[in-house]
C-alpha atoms as a PDB file:
ATOM      1  CA  MET A   1    -162.858 145.091  65.233  1.00  0.00           C
ATOM      2  CA  GLY A   2    -166.109 147.415  64.336  1.00  0.00           C
ATOM      3  CA  LEU A   3    -168.504 148.036  67.087  1.00  0.00           C
ATOM      4  CA  LEU A   4    -171.257 145.289  65.508  1.00  0.00           C
ATOM      5  CA  SER A   5    -168.922 142.787  64.603  1.00  0.00           C
ATOM      6  CA  TRP A   6    -170.974 140.284  67.036  1.00  0.00           C
ATOM      7  CA  ARG A   7    -173.570 140.596  63.841  1.00  0.00           C
ATOM      8  CA  SER A   8    -171.809 138.359  61.204  1.00  0.00           C
ATOM      9  CA  PRO A   9    -170.190 135.804  63.565  1.00  0.00           C
ATOM     10  CA  LYS A  10    -167.867 133.607  61.216  1.00  0.00           C
ATOM     11  CA  LEU A  11    -169.474 130.119  60.945  1.00  0.00           C
ATOM     12  CA  PRO A  12    -167.414 127.870  58.703  1.00  0.00           C
ATOM     13  CA  ALA A  13    -168.653 126.998  55.074  1.00  0.00           C
ATOM     14  CA  ALA A  14    -169.140 123.424  55.704  1.00  0.00           C
ATOM     15  CA  VAL A  15    -171.011 124.053  58.917  1.00  0.00           C
ATOM     16  CA  ARG A  16    -172.966 126.513  56.842  1.00  0.00           C
ATOM     17  CA  ALA A  17    -173.978 123.850  54.361  1.00  0.00           C
ATOM     18  CA  ALA A  18    -174.237 120.801  56.384  1.00  0.00           C
ATOM     19  CA  MET A  19    -177.098 123.050  58.793  1.00  0.00           C
ATOM     20  CA  GLN A  20    -178.221 123.430  54.845  1.00  0.00           C
ATOM     21  CA  ILE A  21    -178.463 127.584  55.742  1.00  0.00           C
ATOM     22  CA  ALA A  22    -179.699 129.359  52.684  1.00  0.00           C
ATOM     23  CA  ARG A  23    -177.417 132.089  51.243  1.00  0.00           C
ATOM     24  CA  SER A  24    -179.759 134.908  51.408  1.00  0.00           C
ATOM     25  CA  GLU A  25    -180.128 133.887  55.554  1.00  0.00           C
ATOM     26  CA  ARG A  26    -178.084 136.027  57.810  1.00  0.00           C
ATOM     27  CA  VAL A  27    -175.860 134.580  60.250  1.00  0.00           C
ATOM     28  CA  LEU A  28    -176.704 136.786  63.255  1.00  0.00           C
ATOM     29  CA  ALA A  29    -175.236 134.672  66.302  1.00  0.00           C
ATOM     30  CA  ALA A  30    -173.182 131.336  66.628  1.00  0.00           C
ATOM     31  CA  ALA A  31    -171.984 128.558  68.770  1.00  0.00           C
ATOM     32  CA  VAL A  32    -170.024 125.441  69.058  1.00  0.00           C
ATOM     33  CA  LEU A  33    -172.250 122.607  71.310  1.00  0.00           C
ATOM     34  CA  ALA A  34    -169.765 121.387  74.154  1.00  0.00           C
ATOM     35  CA  ARG A  35    -167.770 118.167  73.711  1.00  0.00           C
ATOM     36  CA  GLY A  36    -167.371 119.366  69.877  1.00  0.00           C
ATOM     37  CA  ARG A  37    -170.880 117.451  69.569  1.00  0.00           C
ATOM     38  CA  GLY A  38    -171.748 120.189  67.107  1.00  0.00           C
ATOM     39  CA  HIS A  39    -173.219 124.032  65.768  1.00  0.00           C
ATOM     40  CA  VAL A  40    -176.337 126.291  66.843  1.00  0.00           C
ATOM     41  CA  ALA A  41    -176.488 128.990  64.298  1.00  0.00           C
ATOM     42  CA  LEU A  42    -179.595 131.910  65.142  1.00  0.00           C
ATOM     43  CA  THR A  43    -179.724 133.233  61.516  1.00  0.00           C
ATOM     44  CA  THR A  44    -182.769 136.153  60.069  1.00  0.00           C
ATOM     45  CA  THR A  45    -185.153 133.370  59.614  1.00  0.00           C
ATOM     46  CA  GLY A  46    -184.515 130.749  62.407  1.00  0.00           C
ATOM     47  CA  LEU A  47    -182.441 127.872  64.778  1.00  0.00           C
ATOM     48  CA  HIS A  48    -180.752 125.750  63.149  1.00  0.00           C
ATOM     49  CA  VAL A  49    -179.069 122.821  65.142  1.00  0.00           C
ATOM     50  CA  ALA A  50    -176.620 120.769  63.377  1.00  0.00           C
ATOM     51  CA  LEU A  51    -175.134 117.804  65.844  1.00  0.00           C
ATOM     52  CA  SER A  52    -172.323 115.616  65.348  1.00  0.00           C
ATOM     53  CA  GLY A  53    -173.465 112.775  62.713  1.00  0.00           C
ATOM     54  CA  ASP A  54    -177.431 113.788  62.786  1.00  0.00           C
ATOM     55  CA  ALA A  55    -179.840 115.640  60.017  1.00  0.00           C
ATOM     56  CA  PRO A  56    -179.713 118.790  60.999  1.00  0.00           C
ATOM     57  CA  LEU A  57    -182.717 120.994  62.525  1.00  0.00           C
ATOM     58  CA  ASN A  58    -183.935 124.044  60.938  1.00  0.00           C
ATOM     59  CA  VAL A  59    -186.820 126.131  62.803  1.00  0.00           C
ATOM     60  CA  ALA A  60    -188.422 129.062  61.783  1.00  0.00           C
ATOM     61  CA  TRP A  61    -188.703 131.359  64.787  1.00  0.00           C
ATOM     62  CA  ASP A  62    -192.487 131.406  65.039  1.00  0.00           C
ATOM     63  CA  HIS A  63    -191.962 127.823  65.654  1.00  0.00           C
ATOM     64  CA  VAL A  64    -189.999 128.357  68.681  1.00  0.00           C
ATOM     65  CA  ALA A  65    -192.313 128.357  71.264  1.00  0.00           C
ATOM     66  CA  HIS A  66    -189.552 128.726  74.335  1.00  0.00           C
ATOM     67  CA  ALA A  67    -186.368 129.435  75.197  1.00  0.00           C
ATOM     68  CA  SER A  68    -184.351 129.625  77.876  1.00  0.00           C
ATOM     69  CA  TRP A  69    -180.701 130.128  78.655  1.00  0.00           C
ATOM     70  CA  GLU A  70    -178.710 129.079  82.117  1.00  0.00           C
ATOM     71  CA  ASP A  71    -175.285 129.042  81.389  1.00  0.00           C
ATOM     72  CA  PRO A  72    -174.091 126.850  79.959  1.00  0.00           C
ATOM     73  CA  MET A  73    -177.678 125.263  78.708  1.00  0.00           C
ATOM     74  CA  LEU A  74    -179.576 127.052  75.977  1.00  0.00           C
ATOM     75  CA  VAL A  75    -183.206 124.914  76.213  1.00  0.00           C
ATOM     76  CA  ALA A  76    -185.714 125.077  73.369  1.00  0.00           C
ATOM     77  CA  VAL A  77    -189.036 123.670  72.774  1.00  0.00           C
ATOM     78  CA  VAL A  78    -189.892 123.781  69.241  1.00  0.00           C
ATOM     79  CA  ASP A  79    -193.352 122.444  67.262  1.00  0.00           C
ATOM     80  CA  VAL A  80    -191.759 119.862  64.778  1.00  0.00           C
ATOM     81  CA  ASP A  81    -194.477 118.530  61.896  1.00  0.00           C
ATOM     82  CA  GLY A  82    -197.630 119.283  64.707  1.00  0.00           C
ATOM     83  CA  GLN A  83    -195.422 118.174  67.702  1.00  0.00           C
ATOM     84  CA  GLN A  84    -193.895 119.601  70.249  1.00  0.00           C
ATOM     85  CA  LEU A  85    -189.810 118.472  70.825  1.00  0.00           C
ATOM     86  CA  ARG A  86    -187.852 119.516  73.838  1.00  0.00           C
ATOM     87  CA  ILE A  87    -183.599 120.497  72.702  1.00  0.00           C
ATOM     88  CA  SER A  88    -180.997 121.181  75.419  1.00  0.00           C
ATOM     89  CA  LEU A  89    -177.550 122.487  73.621  1.00  0.00           C
ATOM     90  CA  GLU A  90    -174.496 122.420  76.160  1.00  0.00           C
ATOM     91  CA  LEU A  91    -172.843 125.542  74.722  1.00  0.00           C
ATOM     92  CA  ASN A  92    -168.898 125.778  74.692  1.00  0.00           C
ATOM     93  CA  GLU A  93    -169.139 130.000  74.350  1.00  0.00           C
ATOM     94  CA  PRO A  94    -172.438 131.324  73.756  1.00  0.00           C
ATOM     95  CA  GLY A  95    -171.384 134.501  72.532  1.00  0.00           C
ATOM     96  CA  MET A  96    -175.002 136.037  71.699  1.00  0.00           C
ATOM     97  CA  VAL A  97    -176.401 133.058  70.955  1.00  0.00           C
ATOM     98  CA  PRO A  98    -178.347 133.692  74.427  1.00  0.00           C
ATOM     99  CA  VAL A  99    -179.268 137.655  73.452  1.00  0.00           C
ATOM    100  CA  VAL A 100    -180.403 137.094  70.020  1.00  0.00           C
ATOM    101  CA  LEU A 101    -182.495 133.856  70.894  1.00  0.00           C
ATOM    102  CA  ARG A 102    -184.272 136.301  73.769  1.00  0.00           C
ATOM    103  CA  GLU A 103    -184.653 138.834  70.865  1.00  0.00           C
ATOM    104  CA  ARG A 104    -185.680 136.813  67.964  1.00  0.00           C
ATOM    105  CA  VAL A 105    -188.148 134.756  70.038  1.00  0.00           C
ATOM    106  CA  THR A 106    -190.198 137.560  71.586  1.00  0.00           C
ATOM    107  CA  SER A 107    -189.867 139.109  67.967  1.00  0.00           C
ATOM    108  CA  THR A 108    -192.345 136.389  66.194  1.00  0.00           C
ATOM    109  CA  VAL A 109    -195.236 136.785  69.743  1.00  0.00           C
ATOM    110  CA  VAL A 110    -198.377 138.967  68.911  1.00  0.00           C
ATOM    111  CA  TRP A 111    -199.948 137.487  72.153  1.00  0.00           C
ATOM    112  CA  GLU A 112    -199.723 135.255  75.451  1.00  0.00           C
ATOM    113  CA  CYS A 113    -200.871 134.515  78.310  1.00  0.00           C
ATOM    114  CA  HIS A 114    -201.268 131.527  81.355  1.00  0.00           C
ATOM    115  CA  ARG A 115    -204.343 130.108  82.051  1.00  0.00           C
ATOM    116  CA  VAL A 116    -205.310 127.414  84.039  1.00  0.00           C
ATOM    117  CA  LEU A 117    -206.750 123.851  83.373  1.00  0.00           C
ATOM    118  CA  ALA A 118    -207.817 122.506  85.952  1.00  0.00           C
ATOM    119  CA  ASP A 119    -206.769 121.260  89.292  1.00  0.00           C
ATOM    120  CA  GLY A 120    -203.722 124.298  89.229  1.00  0.00           C
ATOM    121  CA  LEU A 121    -202.412 122.576  86.156  1.00  0.00           C
ATOM    122  CA  GLY A 122    -202.153 125.399  82.966  1.00  0.00           C
ATOM    123  CA  ALA A 123    -200.889 126.183  79.959  1.00  0.00           C
ATOM    124  CA  ARG A 124    -199.442 128.938  78.130  1.00  0.00           C
ATOM    125  CA  PHE A 125    -201.049 130.119  74.552  1.00  0.00           C
ATOM    126  CA  ILE A 126    -199.092 131.897  72.177  1.00  0.00           C
ATOM    127  CA  ALA A 127    -199.877 133.979  69.340  1.00  0.00           C
ATOM    128  CA  ARG A 128    -197.103 133.811  67.077  1.00  0.00           C
ATOM    129  CA  ARG A 129    -196.722 135.865  63.079  1.00  0.00           C
ATOM    130  CA  ALA A 130    -193.877 134.695  60.991  1.00  0.00           C
ATOM    131  CA  VAL A 131    -190.643 136.339  59.965  1.00  0.00           C
ATOM    132  CA  GLY A 132    -192.100 139.510  57.678  1.00  0.00           C
ATOM    133  CA  ALA A 133    -195.889 138.519  57.944  1.00  0.00           C
ATOM    134  CA  GLY A 134    -198.758 135.548  57.298  1.00  0.00           C
ATOM    135  CA  PRO A 135    -201.458 134.447  59.206  1.00  0.00           C
ATOM    136  CA  VAL A 136    -201.334 134.034  63.506  1.00  0.00           C
ATOM    137  CA  ARG A 137    -200.573 130.384  64.194  1.00  0.00           C
ATOM    138  CA  TRP A 138    -201.256 129.680  67.602  1.00  0.00           C
ATOM    139  CA  ALA A 139    -199.483 127.474  70.199  1.00  0.00           C
ATOM    140  CA  VAL A 140    -200.223 125.677  73.285  1.00  0.00           C
ATOM    141  CA  VAL A 141    -196.824 124.924  75.930  1.00  0.00           C
ATOM    142  CA  PHE A 142    -198.758 122.775  78.558  1.00  0.00           C
ATOM    143  CA  ASP A 143    -196.837 123.556  81.967  1.00  0.00           C
ATOM    144  CA  ASP A 144    -193.552 121.234  83.554  1.00  0.00           C
ATOM    145  CA  GLY A 145    -195.346 117.902  84.312  1.00  0.00           C
ATOM    146  CA  VAL A 146    -198.535 118.196  82.965  1.00  0.00           C
ATOM    147  CA  ALA A 147    -199.224 115.277  80.230  1.00  0.00           C
ATOM    148  CA  ALA A 148    -200.379 116.683  77.037  1.00  0.00           C
ATOM    149  CA  ASP A 149    -201.341 113.752  76.192  1.00  0.00           C
ATOM    150  CA  ASN A 150    -204.334 113.781  78.575  1.00  0.00           C
ATOM    151  CA  PRO A 151    -207.581 113.903  76.768  1.00  0.00           C
ATOM    152  CA  ALA A 152    -209.506 116.055  79.296  1.00  0.00           C
ATOM    153  CA  LEU A 153    -206.081 118.909  79.360  1.00  0.00           C
ATOM    154  CA  ARG A 154    -206.298 118.086  76.044  1.00  0.00           C
ATOM    155  CA  ALA A 155    -210.277 119.798  75.633  1.00  0.00           C
ATOM    156  CA  ALA A 156    -209.208 121.735  78.009  1.00  0.00           C
ATOM    157  CA  ALA A 157    -206.561 123.630  76.087  1.00  0.00           C
ATOM    158  CA  ASP A 158    -208.642 123.581  73.165  1.00  0.00           C
ATOM    159  CA  ALA A 159    -211.554 125.348  75.003  1.00  0.00           C
ATOM    160  CA  VAL A 160    -209.105 128.138  76.082  1.00  0.00           C
ATOM    161  CA  LEU A 161    -207.407 128.015  73.317  1.00  0.00           C
ATOM    162  CA  ALA A 162    -211.230 128.603  70.709  1.00  0.00           C
ATOM    163  CA  GLU A 163    -212.106 131.665  72.988  1.00  0.00           C
ATOM    164  CA  LEU A 164    -208.801 133.252  73.078  1.00  0.00           C
ATOM    165  CA  ARG A 165    -209.484 133.135  69.208  1.00  0.00           C
ATOM    166  CA  ALA A 166    -212.414 134.407  69.037  1.00  0.00           C
ATOM    167  CA  ASP A 167    -211.971 137.278  72.171  1.00  0.00           C
ATOM    168  CA  LEU A 168    -208.974 138.587  70.125  1.00  0.00           C
ATOM    169  CA  GLY A 169    -210.243 138.034  66.492  1.00  0.00           C
ATOM    170  CA  LEU A 170    -206.467 136.307  65.844  1.00  0.00           C
END
């Protein structure tokens, strides 16, 4: 087994097809979900999740707003159709998934900061660029316990975002 054999994990062809991973994408890390509930694969272009019986979830790296790993749980906040979705996945044997996940999510970040919006409640503002190139896309991730649908906090976040865009030219 070669030193870098972890870079090309074996993902069964049927699973790869079910996840709708393009032939041009290279799988960098993969794992089976606990209790046989599905698979997760990390490719050159994004995060792919296939839960048994559900349609696959394929998210480009610049749409993964936040991800964390605390054995055995992988938690990610992703932007899907303009909405933030929090996914929690329990992995049997994570292999290189935590390492590759961190590297891929971090590699898209152009700028990141945290701002308090009101009464100690805040949000993280993240500017990302898609893998390869493209325009910068901003994401606002509200702190745990902050209601993202609160009009006053949303307005404060929009004002901070406008200020950041102007100041940074992004």
